[in-house]
Structures are given as structure tokens and as C-alpha cells.
């Protein structure tokens, strides 16, 4: 997974391996996953979805519940990473 945040913009790149691992994780298995094994790019601006591609194609539909679940996990991970970076920066300044 690769992410980029800049101001109000968040971009997320998920590899086919990332989506496969997410769909097959313990305790949250998606047996009929439409995203598993596919590359996904997503861009949000001010919390709104502005771009999505699956395997480089923008005209592909996917299950909204699954998409929301994977994005919730991704955004939560980004928030944790940012909080950790802020904590480390604060410690180095002290």
C-alpha cells in the first residue's frame, strides 16, 4: 500500500497483493470479494471520492460495502501513521 496526503487530498494505491491480503485476513474474510487480487487507486479530496480506478480502468463497478470497508481500514491506518509521526516529531523537539 502506498499513500500520499497533501492538505485535504488523500491518494491511495493498493497492489493486487494488498487487496488479496485484506480480503483474506483473519476475522474479516470477504469470500466473494470483488477487489481481491486487483490493483486499486483512489483519491479523496475533503472527504469526497474524486477518483477510483481498478486495474487501471475507471469504468469498472465494485461492491460499495466492500469498497467502504477497505477504505475505512486504509484511512484508519493513515490516521494512526500520522499520529505516530506527530508523536515522534514532538519527542525529538523536547
Protein backbone atom coordinates (compact mmCIF):
# COMPACT_ATOMS: atom_id res chain seq x y z
CA UNK A 1 0.00 0.00 0.00
CA UNK A 2 1.20 3.46 -0.86
CA UNK A 3 -0.47 6.62 0.36
CA UNK A 4 0.05 10.30 -0.23
CA UNK A 5 -1.56 13.06 1.79
CA UNK A 6 -1.32 16.73 0.91
CA UNK A 7 -3.61 19.24 2.52
CA UNK A 8 -7.17 17.99 2.02
CA UNK A 9 -6.13 15.40 -0.58
CA UNK A 10 -5.52 11.70 0.12
CA UNK A 11 -4.34 9.31 -2.59
CA UNK A 12 -4.17 5.56 -2.05
CA UNK A 13 -2.56 2.89 -4.22
CA UNK A 14 -3.32 -0.73 -3.32
CA UNK A 15 -1.50 -3.54 -5.10
CA UNK A 16 -3.18 -6.79 -6.08
CA UNK A 17 -1.35 -8.38 -3.15
CA UNK A 18 -2.65 -5.67 -0.76
CA UNK A 19 -6.28 -6.27 -1.75
CA UNK A 20 -5.83 -10.05 -1.60
CA UNK A 21 -4.37 -9.88 1.92
CA UNK A 22 -7.12 -7.52 3.05
CA UNK A 23 -9.90 -9.76 1.69
CA UNK A 24 -8.39 -12.86 3.33
CA UNK A 25 -7.40 -11.54 6.76
CA UNK A 26 -8.38 -13.46 9.87
CA UNK A 27 -11.67 -12.42 11.39
CA UNK A 28 -12.76 -10.30 8.41
CA UNK A 29 -12.72 -12.64 5.42
CA UNK A 30 -14.54 -11.49 2.24
CA UNK A 31 -15.24 -14.79 0.40
CA UNK A 32 -16.88 -13.11 -2.62
CA UNK A 33 -14.54 -10.12 -2.75
CA UNK A 34 -14.65 -8.13 -5.99
CA UNK A 35 -11.44 -6.27 -5.11
CA UNK A 36 -9.25 -9.19 -4.04
CA UNK A 37 -6.28 -9.60 -6.37
CA UNK A 38 -6.92 -6.30 -8.17
CA UNK A 39 -4.94 -3.05 -8.16
CA UNK A 40 -6.90 -0.09 -6.81
CA UNK A 41 -6.17 3.64 -6.95
CA UNK A 42 -8.38 6.07 -5.03
CA UNK A 43 -8.26 9.80 -4.48
CA UNK A 44 -10.27 11.73 -1.90
CA UNK A 45 -10.48 15.50 -1.53
CA UNK A 46 -12.09 16.99 1.58
CA UNK A 47 -13.51 13.55 2.36
CA UNK A 48 -15.17 13.20 -1.05
CA UNK A 49 -14.26 10.49 -3.54
CA UNK A 50 -12.92 12.16 -6.68
CA UNK A 51 -11.21 9.27 -8.50
CA UNK A 52 -11.16 5.48 -8.47
CA UNK A 53 -9.54 3.03 -10.82
CA UNK A 54 -9.40 -0.74 -10.60
CA UNK A 55 -6.60 -2.38 -12.57
CA UNK A 56 -6.07 0.98 -14.29
CA UNK A 57 -9.66 1.23 -15.55
CA UNK A 58 -12.09 3.87 -14.32
CA UNK A 59 -15.27 2.40 -15.79
CA UNK A 60 -15.38 -0.66 -13.52
CA UNK A 61 -18.03 -1.01 -10.80
CA UNK A 62 -17.44 -2.69 -7.46
CA UNK A 63 -19.46 -3.51 -4.36
CA UNK A 64 -19.89 -0.29 -2.34
CA UNK A 65 -19.96 -2.10 1.02
CA UNK A 66 -16.65 -3.81 0.31
CA UNK A 67 -15.12 -0.60 -1.05
CA UNK A 68 -16.20 1.35 2.04
CA UNK A 69 -14.83 -1.34 4.35
CA UNK A 70 -11.39 -1.47 2.73
CA UNK A 71 -11.17 2.33 2.57
CA UNK A 72 -12.17 2.59 6.25
CA UNK A 73 -9.28 0.27 7.13
CA UNK A 74 -6.87 2.21 4.90
CA UNK A 75 -7.90 5.64 6.22
CA UNK A 76 -7.68 4.38 9.81
CA UNK A 77 -4.14 3.16 9.12
CA UNK A 78 -3.20 6.55 7.63
CA UNK A 79 -4.55 8.36 10.70
CA UNK A 80 -2.57 6.07 13.04
CA UNK A 81 0.60 6.63 10.99
CA UNK A 82 0.13 10.41 11.08
CA UNK A 83 -0.45 10.38 14.85
CA UNK A 84 2.69 8.29 15.31
CA UNK A 85 4.74 10.71 13.16
CA UNK A 86 3.44 13.67 15.17
CA UNK A 87 4.33 11.92 18.43
CA UNK A 88 7.87 11.16 17.23
CA UNK A 89 8.38 14.74 15.98
CA UNK A 90 7.23 16.06 19.34
CA UNK A 91 9.63 13.74 21.20
CA UNK A 92 12.60 14.82 19.09
CA UNK A 93 11.84 18.50 19.73
CA UNK A 94 11.79 18.00 23.51
